[in-house]
Amino acid sequence: MVSAIDEFEGRVDYEWGALKSTSWPQQFPAWVDRLKEKVDLWLHDESFVYLGFGKNDYVLEDATELTIFGLTERFALSVTIRRDPVNPQRADAQWKLVPRSSITHLDAAHAPCPRGGRWLVVEATFDGVVSGPFPDREDLAYDAESRRAIFDGLRGDLYPR
């Protein structure tokens, strides 16, 4: 089991590596470090069932809005980062962390898989948190079985036995 902070830091490095400074030592903007600290504090002893990153521009450096949606066994996390278009080193982060038990809506559809066939894409609404469709239909990190497990877990949250 990978801890939430270890997975988060690895995904940040992978997804947002282009935001690091070009001078040595390469560093992320301060707002990224603050976000990592918050994830480490609030999700200590948790691990992600799902973790997805999004942006409002194909080119990361040009994006003015970055999004994160994550699920652990107990929580749903939504983060929206609005980057200053004049100074992208500055950003304002809107953080929402709610218990998964606060789920109020769940929907799913089958979307075309890049490898052929179709697989599950889920949408969920929690108290104060609305996910977009996830996992993204092109996210190959989540196979058909793991997508089904995510849906089944959320269905159990919405309709406990």
C-alpha atoms as a PDB file:
ATOM      1  CA  MET A   1       0.000   0.000   0.000  1.00  0.00           C
ATOM      2  CA  VAL A   2       1.434   3.351  -1.058  1.00  0.00           C
ATOM      3  CA  SER A   3       0.760   6.222   1.337  1.00  0.00           C
ATOM      4  CA  ALA A   4      -1.346   9.108   0.094  1.00  0.00           C
ATOM      5  CA  ILE A   5       1.519  11.591   0.356  1.00  0.00           C
ATOM      6  CA  ASP A   6       3.964   9.323  -1.500  1.00  0.00           C
ATOM      7  CA  GLU A   7       1.503   8.789  -4.338  1.00  0.00           C
ATOM      8  CA  PHE A   8       0.562  12.473  -4.368  1.00  0.00           C
ATOM      9  CA  GLU A   9       4.190  13.622  -4.530  1.00  0.00           C
ATOM     10  CA  GLY A  10       4.944  11.132  -7.309  1.00  0.00           C
ATOM     11  CA  ARG A  11       1.944  12.234  -9.347  1.00  0.00           C
ATOM     12  CA  VAL A  12       2.744  15.927  -8.786  1.00  0.00           C
ATOM     13  CA  ASP A  13       6.268  15.331 -10.075  1.00  0.00           C
ATOM     14  CA  TYR A  14       4.905  13.475 -13.105  1.00  0.00           C
ATOM     15  CA  GLU A  15       1.902  15.695 -13.900  1.00  0.00           C
ATOM     16  CA  TRP A  16       3.340  19.090 -12.950  1.00  0.00           C
ATOM     17  CA  GLY A  17       7.079  18.642 -13.470  1.00  0.00           C
ATOM     18  CA  ALA A  18       7.064  21.412 -16.095  1.00  0.00           C
ATOM     19  CA  LEU A  19       6.155  23.927 -13.357  1.00  0.00           C
ATOM     20  CA  LYS A  20       9.521  23.512 -11.661  1.00  0.00           C
ATOM     21  CA  SER A  21      11.990  26.374 -11.876  1.00  0.00           C
ATOM     22  CA  THR A  22      14.663  26.135 -14.547  1.00  0.00           C
ATOM     23  CA  SER A  23      17.469  27.131 -12.171  1.00  0.00           C
ATOM     24  CA  TRP A  24      19.269  24.609  -9.991  1.00  0.00           C
ATOM     25  CA  PRO A  25      18.021  23.206  -7.724  1.00  0.00           C
ATOM     26  CA  GLN A  26      14.758  22.861  -9.586  1.00  0.00           C
ATOM     27  CA  GLN A  27      11.855  23.688  -7.302  1.00  0.00           C
ATOM     28  CA  PHE A  28       8.113  23.859  -7.546  1.00  0.00           C
ATOM     29  CA  PRO A  29       6.353  27.140  -6.787  1.00  0.00           C
ATOM     30  CA  ALA A  30       5.700  27.594  -3.054  1.00  0.00           C
ATOM     31  CA  TRP A  31       1.980  26.888  -3.505  1.00  0.00           C
ATOM     32  CA  VAL A  32       2.775  23.317  -4.602  1.00  0.00           C
ATOM     33  CA  ASP A  33       4.786  22.718  -1.426  1.00  0.00           C
ATOM     34  CA  ARG A  34       1.932  24.106   0.689  1.00  0.00           C
ATOM     35  CA  LEU A  35      -0.485  21.761  -1.093  1.00  0.00           C
ATOM     36  CA  LYS A  36       1.796  18.775  -0.400  1.00  0.00           C
ATOM     37  CA  GLU A  37       1.945  19.736   3.277  1.00  0.00           C
ATOM     38  CA  LYS A  38      -1.836  19.886   3.452  1.00  0.00           C
ATOM     39  CA  VAL A  39      -2.239  16.490   1.790  1.00  0.00           C
ATOM     40  CA  ASP A  40       0.313  15.013   4.186  1.00  0.00           C
ATOM     41  CA  LEU A  41      -1.487  16.478   7.211  1.00  0.00           C
ATOM     42  CA  TRP A  42      -5.067  15.604   6.277  1.00  0.00           C
ATOM     43  CA  LEU A  43      -4.482  12.306   4.514  1.00  0.00           C
ATOM     44  CA  HIS A  44      -1.798  10.882   6.798  1.00  0.00           C
ATOM     45  CA  ASP A  45      -2.246   7.088   7.098  1.00  0.00           C
ATOM     46  CA  GLU A  46      -4.546   7.079   4.059  1.00  0.00           C
ATOM     47  CA  SER A  47      -3.923   5.765   0.556  1.00  0.00           C
ATOM     48  CA  PHE A  48      -5.593   6.806  -2.664  1.00  0.00           C
ATOM     49  CA  VAL A  49      -8.124   4.562  -4.362  1.00  0.00           C
ATOM     50  CA  TYR A  50      -8.208   7.112  -7.180  1.00  0.00           C
ATOM     51  CA  LEU A  51      -6.161  10.229  -7.894  1.00  0.00           C
ATOM     52  CA  GLY A  52      -6.654  12.359 -10.998  1.00  0.00           C
ATOM     53  CA  PHE A  53      -5.194  15.638 -12.234  1.00  0.00           C
ATOM     54  CA  GLY A  54      -6.709  18.044 -14.772  1.00  0.00           C
ATOM     55  CA  LYS A  55      -5.984  21.389 -16.397  1.00  0.00           C
ATOM     56  CA  ASN A  56      -7.837  23.931 -18.517  1.00  0.00           C
ATOM     57  CA  ASP A  57      -5.166  24.118 -21.234  1.00  0.00           C
ATOM     58  CA  TYR A  58      -3.354  21.403 -23.157  1.00  0.00           C
ATOM     59  CA  VAL A  59      -0.036  23.093 -22.336  1.00  0.00           C
ATOM     60  CA  LEU A  60       0.528  22.899 -18.571  1.00  0.00           C
ATOM     61  CA  GLU A  61       2.565  26.101 -18.393  1.00  0.00           C
ATOM     62  CA  ASP A  62      -0.314  28.032 -20.028  1.00  0.00           C
ATOM     63  CA  ALA A  63      -3.029  26.569 -17.800  1.00  0.00           C
ATOM     64  CA  THR A  64      -4.634  29.024 -15.402  1.00  0.00           C
ATOM     65  CA  GLU A  65      -6.698  26.371 -13.623  1.00  0.00           C
ATOM     66  CA  LEU A  66      -5.449  23.033 -12.333  1.00  0.00           C
ATOM     67  CA  THR A  67      -7.679  20.462 -10.680  1.00  0.00           C
ATOM     68  CA  ILE A  68      -7.195  17.423  -8.502  1.00  0.00           C
ATOM     69  CA  PHE A  69      -9.828  14.869  -7.556  1.00  0.00           C
ATOM     70  CA  GLY A  70      -9.003  12.001  -5.255  1.00  0.00           C
ATOM     71  CA  LEU A  71     -10.648   9.251  -3.283  1.00  0.00           C
ATOM     72  CA  THR A  72      -9.299   7.365  -0.301  1.00  0.00           C
ATOM     73  CA  GLU A  73     -11.221   4.702   1.589  1.00  0.00           C
ATOM     74  CA  ARG A  74     -12.659   7.445   3.839  1.00  0.00           C
ATOM     75  CA  PHE A  75     -12.471  10.770   1.994  1.00  0.00           C
ATOM     76  CA  ALA A  76     -13.218  12.572  -1.245  1.00  0.00           C
ATOM     77  CA  LEU A  77     -10.798  15.376  -2.103  1.00  0.00           C
ATOM     78  CA  SER A  78     -11.294  18.190  -4.581  1.00  0.00           C
ATOM     79  CA  VAL A  79      -8.710  20.890  -5.184  1.00  0.00           C
ATOM     80  CA  THR A  80      -8.983  23.705  -7.706  1.00  0.00           C
ATOM     81  CA  ILE A  81      -5.882  25.838  -8.195  1.00  0.00           C
ATOM     82  CA  ARG A  82      -6.290  29.144  -9.986  1.00  0.00           C
ATOM     83  CA  ARG A  83      -2.942  30.408 -11.210  1.00  0.00           C
ATOM     84  CA  ASP A  84      -2.309  34.118 -11.653  1.00  0.00           C
ATOM     85  CA  PRO A  85      -2.124  34.668 -15.440  1.00  0.00           C
ATOM     86  CA  VAL A  86       0.453  37.452 -14.965  1.00  0.00           C
ATOM     87  CA  ASN A  87       2.583  35.621 -12.394  1.00  0.00           C
ATOM     88  CA  PRO A  88       1.957  31.841 -12.589  1.00  0.00           C
ATOM     89  CA  GLN A  89       4.156  31.327  -9.514  1.00  0.00           C
ATOM     90  CA  ARG A  90       1.228  32.744  -7.555  1.00  0.00           C
ATOM     91  CA  ALA A  91      -1.902  30.696  -7.124  1.00  0.00           C
ATOM     92  CA  ASP A  92      -5.008  30.413  -5.023  1.00  0.00           C
ATOM     93  CA  ALA A  93      -6.110  26.902  -4.041  1.00  0.00           C
ATOM     94  CA  GLN A  94      -9.648  25.954  -3.134  1.00  0.00           C
ATOM     95  CA  TRP A  95      -9.504  22.772  -1.030  1.00  0.00           C
ATOM     96  CA  LYS A  96     -12.485  20.574  -0.174  1.00  0.00           C
ATOM     97  CA  LEU A  97     -12.163  17.357   1.791  1.00  0.00           C
ATOM     98  CA  VAL A  98     -15.331  15.519   2.752  1.00  0.00           C
ATOM     99  CA  PRO A  99     -16.129  12.046   4.050  1.00  0.00           C
ATOM    100  CA  ARG A 100     -17.040   9.574   1.322  1.00  0.00           C
ATOM    101  CA  SER A 101     -20.166   8.845   3.347  1.00  0.00           C
ATOM    102  CA  SER A 102     -21.424  12.305   2.290  1.00  0.00           C
ATOM    103  CA  ILE A 103     -22.020  10.990  -1.260  1.00  0.00           C
ATOM    104  CA  THR A 104     -25.387  12.168  -2.609  1.00  0.00           C
ATOM    105  CA  HIS A 105     -25.273  11.073  -6.259  1.00  0.00           C
ATOM    106  CA  LEU A 106     -23.536   8.416  -8.329  1.00  0.00           C
ATOM    107  CA  ASP A 107     -23.698   7.795 -12.049  1.00  0.00           C
ATOM    108  CA  ALA A 108     -21.676   5.761 -14.503  1.00  0.00           C
ATOM    109  CA  ALA A 109     -21.393   5.306 -18.229  1.00  0.00           C
ATOM    110  CA  HIS A 110     -19.348   3.155 -20.561  1.00  0.00           C
ATOM    111  CA  ALA A 111     -16.907   5.103 -22.713  1.00  0.00           C
ATOM    112  CA  PRO A 112     -14.677   3.942 -25.567  1.00  0.00           C
ATOM    113  CA  CYS A 113     -11.329   2.632 -24.371  1.00  0.00           C
ATOM    114  CA  PRO A 114      -8.220   3.714 -26.325  1.00  0.00           C
ATOM    115  CA  ARG A 115      -7.278   0.042 -26.645  1.00  0.00           C
ATOM    116  CA  GLY A 116     -10.668  -0.915 -28.031  1.00  0.00           C
ATOM    117  CA  GLY A 117     -13.822  -1.912 -26.240  1.00  0.00           C
ATOM    118  CA  ARG A 118     -15.547   0.162 -23.598  1.00  0.00           C
ATOM    119  CA  TRP A 119     -14.949   0.790 -19.928  1.00  0.00           C
ATOM    120  CA  LEU A 120     -16.546   2.470 -16.976  1.00  0.00           C
ATOM    121  CA  VAL A 121     -16.386   6.202 -16.294  1.00  0.00           C
ATOM    122  CA  VAL A 122     -17.932   7.381 -13.018  1.00  0.00           C
ATOM    123  CA  GLU A 123     -19.401  10.682 -11.800  1.00  0.00           C
ATOM    124  CA  ALA A 124     -20.108  11.300  -8.129  1.00  0.00           C
ATOM    125  CA  THR A 125     -21.399  14.166  -6.015  1.00  0.00           C
ATOM    126  CA  PHE A 126     -20.529  14.548  -2.374  1.00  0.00           C
ATOM    127  CA  ASP A 127     -21.537  17.281   0.066  1.00  0.00           C
ATOM    128  CA  GLY A 128     -19.660  20.234  -1.455  1.00  0.00           C
ATOM    129  CA  VAL A 129     -17.638  18.159  -3.936  1.00  0.00           C
ATOM    130  CA  VAL A 130     -18.640  17.349  -7.499  1.00  0.00           C
ATOM    131  CA  SER A 131     -16.368  15.110  -9.515  1.00  0.00           C
ATOM    132  CA  GLY A 132     -16.053  15.323 -13.227  1.00  0.00           C
ATOM    133  CA  PRO A 133     -16.082  12.030 -15.100  1.00  0.00           C
ATOM    134  CA  PHE A 134     -13.353   9.791 -13.707  1.00  0.00           C
ATOM    135  CA  PRO A 135     -11.163   7.915 -14.326  1.00  0.00           C
ATOM    136  CA  ASP A 136     -10.652   9.684 -17.614  1.00  0.00           C
ATOM    137  CA  ARG A 137     -11.456   7.287 -20.435  1.00  0.00           C
ATOM    138  CA  GLU A 138      -7.888   7.609 -21.688  1.00  0.00           C
ATOM    139  CA  ASP A 139      -6.274   7.049 -18.280  1.00  0.00           C
ATOM    140  CA  LEU A 140      -4.639   3.663 -18.752  1.00  0.00           C
ATOM    141  CA  ALA A 141      -3.555   3.531 -15.097  1.00  0.00           C
ATOM    142  CA  TYR A 142      -7.084   2.304 -14.277  1.00  0.00           C
ATOM    143  CA  ASP A 143      -8.093  -0.903 -16.013  1.00  0.00           C
ATOM    144  CA  ALA A 144     -11.640  -2.266 -16.259  1.00  0.00           C
ATOM    145  CA  GLU A 145     -11.347  -4.137 -12.961  1.00  0.00           C
ATOM    146  CA  SER A 146     -10.089  -1.145 -10.956  1.00  0.00           C
ATOM    147  CA  ARG A 147     -12.777   1.083 -12.493  1.00  0.00           C
ATOM    148  CA  ARG A 148     -15.427  -1.400 -11.408  1.00  0.00           C
ATOM    149  CA  ALA A 149     -13.931  -1.516  -7.896  1.00  0.00           C
ATOM    150  CA  ILE A 150     -14.130   2.291  -7.659  1.00  0.00           C
ATOM    151  CA  PHE A 151     -17.791   2.236  -8.723  1.00  0.00           C
ATOM    152  CA  ASP A 152     -18.634  -0.635  -6.352  1.00  0.00           C
ATOM    153  CA  GLY A 153     -16.996   1.193  -3.437  1.00  0.00           C
ATOM    154  CA  LEU A 154     -18.921   4.385  -4.139  1.00  0.00           C
ATOM    155  CA  ARG A 155     -22.166   2.454  -4.591  1.00  0.00           C
ATOM    156  CA  GLY A 156     -21.539   0.965  -1.136  1.00  0.00           C
ATOM    157  CA  ASP A 157     -21.025   4.494   0.247  1.00  0.00           C
ATOM    158  CA  LEU A 158     -24.295   5.690  -1.308  1.00  0.00           C
ATOM    159  CA  TYR A 159     -26.304   2.599  -0.391  1.00  0.00           C
ATOM    160  CA  PRO A 160     -24.713   0.999   2.698  1.00  0.00           C
ATOM    161  CA  ARG A 161     -25.872  -2.488   3.636  1.00  0.00           C
END
